[in-house]
Amino acid sequence: MTPLNVVPTPCTRGWRSGTRPRGRRVPRTRPVHFTRPGNSSNRGLADHRDSDSSSSRSRSLDDGRDEEGPGGSAAQGGAVSPSPYSSDRLQQAVDSLREQSQSSERASAPPTPAERREVKRVIETAMLAAVTGLAYTLSTLLKLEGYLSYCLPLPVTLSAMRSEDSSTPVQCVVVAFLLLFILLGPVRAVTYVLVYGLLSIALGVSFKMGLPWAVSVPLGAMARLTGQWMYISVTSWVTNENLLELLISNAQTLLDNMSAWMGGASSSSFNGVFITLVSMLAVNAVFYTYMMTMLYTVILQSMGYVVLQPLPRFLDRMMANRAAP
């Protein structure tokens, strides 16, 4: 027998020790009565809802007054004064919108001539530095440094002539150094700066300022000689050998052998060989800088640039004969 108000479950067989599961008890519910719209019960329900809504409105008004603070109390005539907090927030929103509109107007406005010139200078400097790095890389990998050595300082000089900023040659050399540092490593990058970078900066500044040859040639020769000595020092540090002392000792041995072959008995001293070596390097630097200045003057004038440096007489006559019909 099944007890009252108990509904048997669909499962008639138990799953634990063969016992039969008990039924679940169904809760009793009250019947729902539906009334017509005109009945008093519906009116009571509507009144209850209206009272709830009115109480919630009054509660929200009270909360709003509390949030307004002491400055938001009711004024004369029942009007509520605006809160200073809300006015500050409104002013901040207006300021932010004004700043956004101004920034959008600046972004949409065309660039000024000064900005155009600055962008042009940066692009030209980067391109000429890339050309310099490519030329030095090819001359290093293909063993053409003896042929391309006269062309390596030319891009830096062009960057100085095309720009109004006096620091453009230095920026071009720095960009080329970073490019060579990535492509060939730090040793080759430092070698370029010492052997060609300092000379390129000196030539670029000389052509840009229109210095006479009596000043530009010694300035370039000093830059090249300083770079060579620094290159020897860096190479000695990298190889852990004193290359200058080794070079002087080899030159001294060569001079002693030549003196013995010619029948002389005198031997060369260390100081004499050192002074001779420095003098030869200085003469080489002066001659190299003079040839570079003369070559770049012809190239820049043929490209349409105004070279302010006064030319030597023989070179001026040569250019005049070339320009004459």
Protein backbone atom coordinates (compact mmCIF):
# COMPACT_ATOMS: atom_id res chain seq x y z
CA MET A 1 0.00 0.00 0.00
CA THR A 2 1.26 3.47 -0.94
CA PRO A 3 0.75 6.15 1.73
CA LEU A 4 -1.43 9.21 1.10
CA ASN A 5 -0.06 12.19 -0.93
CA VAL A 6 2.89 10.10 -2.05
CA VAL A 7 3.57 9.54 -5.74
CA PRO A 8 5.53 6.44 -6.54
CA THR A 9 8.71 6.93 -8.58
CA PRO A 10 9.04 5.53 -12.09
CA CYS A 11 11.75 3.17 -10.90
CA THR A 12 10.18 0.04 -9.46
CA ARG A 13 13.42 -1.70 -8.60
CA GLY A 14 16.04 -0.58 -6.16
CA TRP A 15 19.75 -0.34 -7.02
CA ARG A 16 21.15 -0.85 -3.55
CA SER A 17 20.83 -4.27 -1.90
CA GLY A 18 17.61 -4.84 -3.83
CA THR A 19 15.57 -2.34 -1.76
CA ARG A 20 12.69 -0.50 -3.26
CA PRO A 21 13.12 3.34 -3.33
CA ARG A 22 10.65 5.45 -1.49
CA GLY A 23 8.35 7.89 -3.25
CA ARG A 24 8.74 11.66 -3.08
CA ARG A 25 6.21 13.88 -1.37
CA VAL A 26 4.31 16.36 -3.63
CA PRO A 27 3.82 19.77 -1.97
CA ARG A 28 0.34 21.12 -1.83
CA THR A 29 -0.35 24.44 -3.59
CA ARG A 30 -3.17 26.85 -3.14
CA PRO A 31 -5.49 27.44 -6.10
CA VAL A 32 -5.03 30.70 -8.05
CA HIS A 33 -8.21 32.73 -8.45
CA PHE A 34 -8.48 35.00 -11.53
CA THR A 35 -10.80 37.98 -11.13
CA ARG A 36 -12.22 40.47 -13.58
CA PRO A 37 -10.78 43.93 -14.12
CA GLY A 38 -13.59 45.60 -12.25
CA ASN A 39 -13.18 43.65 -9.04
CA SER A 40 -12.02 45.27 -5.81
CA SER A 41 -9.09 42.91 -5.49
CA ASN A 42 -7.49 44.26 -8.70
CA ARG A 43 -8.01 47.79 -7.50
CA GLY A 44 -6.28 46.90 -4.26
CA LEU A 45 -3.34 45.41 -6.17
CA ALA A 46 -3.05 48.56 -8.31
CA ASP A 47 -3.16 50.78 -5.25
CA HIS A 48 -0.45 48.67 -3.68
CA ARG A 49 1.73 49.08 -6.80
CA ASP A 50 1.12 52.83 -6.89
CA SER A 51 2.10 53.15 -3.26
CA ASP A 52 5.30 51.17 -3.90
CA SER A 53 6.25 53.35 -6.87
CA SER A 54 5.54 56.58 -4.95
CA SER A 55 7.62 55.37 -2.00
CA SER A 56 10.53 54.45 -4.31
CA ARG A 57 10.34 57.90 -5.95
CA SER A 58 10.39 59.67 -2.62
CA ARG A 59 13.29 57.49 -1.52
CA SER A 60 15.29 58.36 -4.67
CA LEU A 61 14.62 62.08 -4.17
CA ASP A 62 15.84 61.85 -0.59
CA ASP A 63 18.99 60.05 -1.74
CA GLY A 64 19.63 62.69 -4.36
CA ARG A 65 19.32 65.46 -1.81
CA ASP A 66 21.67 63.66 0.52
CA GLU A 67 24.25 63.32 -2.27
CA GLU A 68 24.05 67.01 -3.11
CA GLY A 69 25.54 67.87 0.29
CA PRO A 70 25.14 71.05 2.24
CA GLY A 71 25.11 73.25 -0.85
CA GLY A 72 22.18 71.39 -2.40
CA SER A 73 19.48 72.26 0.20
CA ALA A 74 16.16 73.62 -1.00
CA ALA A 75 16.18 77.33 -1.78
CA GLN A 76 13.37 79.77 -1.40
CA GLY A 77 10.28 78.89 -3.42
CA GLY A 78 10.98 75.15 -3.27
CA ALA A 79 13.76 75.20 -5.98
CA VAL A 80 16.85 72.99 -5.54
CA SER A 81 20.23 74.64 -6.16
CA PRO A 82 22.73 72.74 -8.37
CA SER A 83 25.51 70.84 -6.66
CA PRO A 84 29.10 72.17 -6.98
CA TYR A 85 30.33 68.62 -7.48
CA SER A 86 28.17 68.12 -10.53
CA SER A 87 29.24 71.50 -11.97
CA ASP A 88 32.92 70.58 -11.52
CA ARG A 89 32.39 67.30 -13.31
CA LEU A 90 30.58 69.08 -16.12
CA GLN A 91 33.43 71.57 -16.47
CA GLN A 92 35.99 68.73 -16.60
CA ALA A 93 33.98 66.99 -19.30
CA VAL A 94 33.80 70.23 -21.33
CA ASP A 95 37.56 70.78 -20.97
CA SER A 96 38.35 67.23 -22.07
CA LEU A 97 36.09 67.59 -25.11
CA ARG A 98 37.75 70.89 -26.00
CA GLU A 99 41.23 69.32 -25.74
CA GLN A 100 40.18 66.40 -27.91
CA SER A 101 38.79 68.74 -30.55
CA GLN A 102 41.98 70.82 -30.53
CA SER A 103 44.19 67.74 -30.82
CA SER A 104 42.09 66.43 -33.72
CA GLU A 105 42.34 69.82 -35.43
CA ARG A 106 46.13 69.80 -34.99
CA ALA A 107 46.36 66.27 -36.37
CA SER A 108 44.22 67.12 -39.39
CA ALA A 109 46.01 70.42 -40.08
CA PRO A 110 48.68 70.36 -42.84
CA PRO A 111 52.32 70.40 -41.68
CA THR A 112 54.16 73.69 -41.54
CA PRO A 113 57.15 74.42 -43.82
CA ALA A 114 59.52 74.01 -40.86
CA GLU A 115 58.12 70.54 -40.14
CA ARG A 116 58.45 69.62 -43.82
CA ARG A 117 62.08 70.69 -43.85
CA GLU A 118 62.81 68.74 -40.67
CA VAL A 119 61.22 65.57 -42.06
CA LYS A 120 63.12 66.00 -45.33
CA ARG A 121 66.40 66.44 -43.45
CA VAL A 122 65.86 63.31 -41.37
CA ILE A 123 64.97 61.20 -44.42
CA GLU A 124 67.94 62.44 -46.45
CA THR A 125 70.32 61.88 -43.56
CA ALA A 126 69.08 58.31 -43.09
CA MET A 127 69.38 57.53 -46.82
CA LEU A 128 72.90 58.96 -47.12
CA ALA A 129 73.98 57.08 -44.00
CA ALA A 130 72.60 53.87 -45.53
CA VAL A 131 74.58 54.54 -48.73
CA THR A 132 77.72 55.07 -46.66
CA GLY A 133 77.20 51.83 -44.75
CA LEU A 134 76.54 49.89 -47.95
CA ALA A 135 79.64 51.29 -49.68
CA TYR A 136 81.88 50.49 -46.70
CA THR A 137 80.40 46.98 -46.40
CA LEU A 138 81.06 46.26 -50.07
CA SER A 139 84.58 47.67 -49.88
CA THR A 140 85.31 45.50 -46.83
CA LEU A 141 83.83 42.27 -48.14
CA LEU A 142 85.16 42.61 -51.71
CA LYS A 143 88.57 44.06 -50.68
CA LEU A 144 87.90 47.30 -52.59
CA GLU A 145 88.74 49.75 -49.83
CA GLY A 146 91.73 51.07 -51.76
CA TYR A 147 89.45 52.06 -54.67
CA LEU A 148 86.37 53.24 -52.76
CA SER A 149 88.22 55.12 -50.02
CA TYR A 150 87.89 58.39 -51.95
CA CYS A 151 84.10 57.98 -52.20
CA LEU A 152 83.28 57.01 -48.61
CA PRO A 153 83.25 60.56 -47.12
CA LEU A 154 81.10 61.90 -49.99
CA PRO A 155 77.62 61.02 -48.57
CA VAL A 156 78.39 62.76 -45.28
CA THR A 157 79.57 65.85 -47.16
CA LEU A 158 76.37 65.84 -49.23
CA SER A 159 74.26 65.65 -46.07
CA ALA A 160 76.09 68.71 -44.72
CA MET A 161 75.52 70.66 -47.94
CA ARG A 162 71.83 69.79 -48.16
CA SER A 163 70.97 70.66 -44.57
CA GLU A 164 70.86 73.90 -42.64
CA ASP A 165 71.72 72.21 -39.36
CA SER A 166 75.42 72.08 -38.53
CA SER A 167 75.02 68.79 -36.62
CA THR A 168 73.80 66.84 -39.66
CA PRO A 169 77.24 65.35 -40.54
CA VAL A 170 77.63 64.04 -37.00
CA GLN A 171 74.15 62.49 -37.12
CA CYS A 172 74.91 60.86 -40.48
CA VAL A 173 78.13 59.34 -39.12
CA VAL A 174 76.32 58.07 -36.00
CA VAL A 175 73.59 56.40 -38.09
CA ALA A 176 76.21 54.81 -40.36
CA PHE A 177 78.08 53.56 -37.28
CA LEU A 178 74.93 51.90 -35.92
CA LEU A 179 74.23 50.29 -39.30
CA LEU A 180 77.80 48.94 -39.58
CA PHE A 181 77.64 47.78 -35.97
CA ILE A 182 74.73 45.54 -36.94
CA LEU A 183 76.13 44.38 -40.29
CA LEU A 184 79.87 43.97 -39.65
CA GLY A 185 80.30 44.11 -35.89
CA PRO A 186 81.77 46.62 -33.46
CA VAL A 187 85.37 46.48 -34.68
CA ARG A 188 84.53 47.40 -38.27
CA ALA A 189 82.09 50.06 -37.13
CA VAL A 190 84.73 51.71 -34.92
CA THR A 191 87.26 51.44 -37.78
CA TYR A 192 84.93 53.35 -40.10
CA VAL A 193 84.40 56.11 -37.55
CA LEU A 194 88.13 56.53 -36.86
CA VAL A 195 89.45 56.25 -40.41
CA TYR A 196 86.66 57.88 -42.45
CA GLY A 197 84.07 59.30 -40.04
CA LEU A 198 86.22 62.04 -38.50
CA LEU A 199 87.51 63.09 -41.91
CA SER A 200 83.96 63.14 -43.30
CA ILE A 201 82.78 65.43 -40.51
CA ALA A 202 85.74 67.77 -41.07
CA LEU A 203 85.13 67.96 -44.83
CA GLY A 204 81.39 68.47 -44.38
CA VAL A 205 81.87 71.32 -41.91
CA SER A 206 84.54 72.92 -44.14
CA PHE A 207 82.34 72.86 -47.24
CA LYS A 208 79.28 74.04 -45.32
CA MET A 209 81.05 76.99 -43.68
CA GLY A 210 83.05 77.86 -46.78
CA LEU A 211 86.44 77.67 -45.11
CA PRO A 212 89.46 78.43 -47.31
CA TRP A 213 91.71 75.64 -48.43
CA ALA A 214 94.50 76.83 -46.12
CA VAL A 215 92.22 75.98 -43.19
CA SER A 216 90.14 73.06 -44.50
CA VAL A 217 93.06 70.95 -45.73
CA PRO A 218 95.05 71.06 -42.43
CA LEU A 219 91.83 70.48 -40.49
CA GLY A 220 91.01 67.38 -42.55
CA ALA A 221 94.61 66.15 -42.34
CA MET A 222 94.59 66.51 -38.56
CA ALA A 223 91.30 64.59 -38.35
CA ARG A 224 92.66 61.79 -40.54
CA LEU A 225 95.95 61.57 -38.62
CA THR A 226 94.14 61.47 -35.27
CA GLY A 227 91.82 58.75 -36.55
CA GLN A 228 94.74 56.66 -37.78
CA TRP A 229 96.54 56.81 -34.44
CA MET A 230 93.36 55.93 -32.59
CA TYR A 231 92.79 53.06 -35.04
CA ILE A 232 96.26 51.69 -34.29
CA SER A 233 95.54 51.92 -30.56
CA VAL A 234 92.20 50.13 -30.86
CA THR A 235 93.67 47.42 -33.07
CA SER A 236 96.53 46.90 -30.60
CA TRP A 237 94.01 46.50 -27.79
CA VAL A 238 91.89 44.04 -29.78
CA THR A 239 94.84 41.90 -30.89
CA ASN A 240 96.68 42.24 -27.54
CA GLU A 241 99.81 43.36 -29.38
CA ASN A 242 101.66 46.68 -29.49
CA LEU A 243 101.37 47.28 -33.22
CA LEU A 244 103.16 50.63 -33.14
CA GLU A 245 106.22 49.17 -31.47
CA LEU A 246 106.13 46.20 -33.82
CA LEU A 247 105.91 48.52 -36.85
CA ILE A 248 108.80 50.67 -35.66
CA SER A 249 110.99 47.65 -34.90
CA ASN A 250 110.31 46.19 -38.34
CA ALA A 251 111.11 49.50 -40.02
CA GLN A 252 114.31 49.77 -37.97
CA THR A 253 115.35 46.28 -39.01
CA LEU A 254 114.63 47.09 -42.65
CA LEU A 255 116.72 50.26 -42.49
CA ASP A 256 119.63 48.39 -40.87
CA ASN A 257 119.56 45.78 -43.61
CA MET A 258 119.53 48.47 -46.30
CA SER A 259 122.44 50.27 -44.60
CA ALA A 260 124.47 47.05 -44.42
CA TRP A 261 123.71 46.28 -48.06
CA MET A 262 124.88 49.75 -49.12
CA GLY A 263 128.10 49.42 -47.05
CA GLY A 264 127.19 51.78 -44.25
CA ALA A 265 128.01 51.07 -40.62
CA SER A 266 125.51 53.36 -38.90
CA SER A 267 122.34 51.91 -37.39
CA SER A 268 119.03 53.77 -37.13
CA SER A 269 117.69 54.72 -33.71
CA PHE A 270 114.20 54.09 -32.39
CA ASN A 271 113.39 57.80 -32.08
CA GLY A 272 114.54 58.51 -35.61
CA VAL A 273 112.34 55.78 -37.02
CA PHE A 274 109.37 57.02 -34.98
CA ILE A 275 109.78 60.61 -36.20
CA THR A 276 110.12 59.41 -39.79
CA LEU A 277 106.97 57.31 -39.50
CA VAL A 278 104.94 60.17 -38.05
CA SER A 279 106.17 62.53 -40.76
CA MET A 280 105.21 60.09 -43.50
CA LEU A 281 101.73 59.65 -42.03
CA ALA A 282 101.29 63.44 -41.81
CA VAL A 283 102.36 63.93 -45.43
CA ASN A 284 99.98 61.18 -46.51
CA ALA A 285 97.11 62.78 -44.59
CA VAL A 286 97.72 66.21 -46.10
CA PHE A 287 97.97 64.87 -49.64
CA TYR A 288 94.89 62.70 -49.20
CA THR A 289 92.81 65.58 -47.78
CA TYR A 290 93.94 67.91 -50.57
CA MET A 291 92.91 65.40 -53.23
CA MET A 292 89.57 64.83 -51.50
CA THR A 293 88.85 68.55 -51.30
CA MET A 294 89.67 69.10 -54.95
CA LEU A 295 87.61 66.09 -56.07
CA TYR A 296 84.58 67.01 -53.96
CA THR A 297 84.69 70.62 -55.13
CA VAL A 298 84.37 69.48 -58.73
CA ILE A 299 81.64 66.96 -57.90
CA LEU A 300 79.56 69.39 -55.83
CA GLN A 301 79.78 72.15 -58.44
CA SER A 302 78.78 69.73 -61.18
CA MET A 303 75.77 68.72 -59.06
CA GLY A 304 74.63 72.33 -58.77
CA TYR A 305 75.79 73.17 -55.25
CA VAL A 306 77.35 76.53 -54.48
CA VAL A 307 80.81 75.95 -53.05
CA LEU A 308 81.94 78.94 -51.04
CA GLN A 309 85.54 77.78 -50.79
CA PRO A 310 87.86 79.73 -53.11
CA LEU A 311 89.39 77.37 -55.62
CA PRO A 312 93.09 77.22 -56.45
CA ARG A 313 94.09 79.07 -59.59
CA PHE A 314 94.84 76.03 -61.73
CA LEU A 315 91.57 74.39 -60.70
CA ASP A 316 89.64 77.62 -61.31
CA ARG A 317 91.11 77.89 -64.80
CA MET A 318 90.31 74.25 -65.45
CA MET A 319 86.67 74.74 -64.41
CA ALA A 320 86.41 77.92 -66.48
CA ASN A 321 87.76 76.20 -69.61
CA ARG A 322 85.33 73.34 -69.07
CA ALA A 323 82.37 75.69 -68.70
CA ALA A 324 83.31 77.77 -71.77
CA PRO A 325 81.59 76.69 -75.07
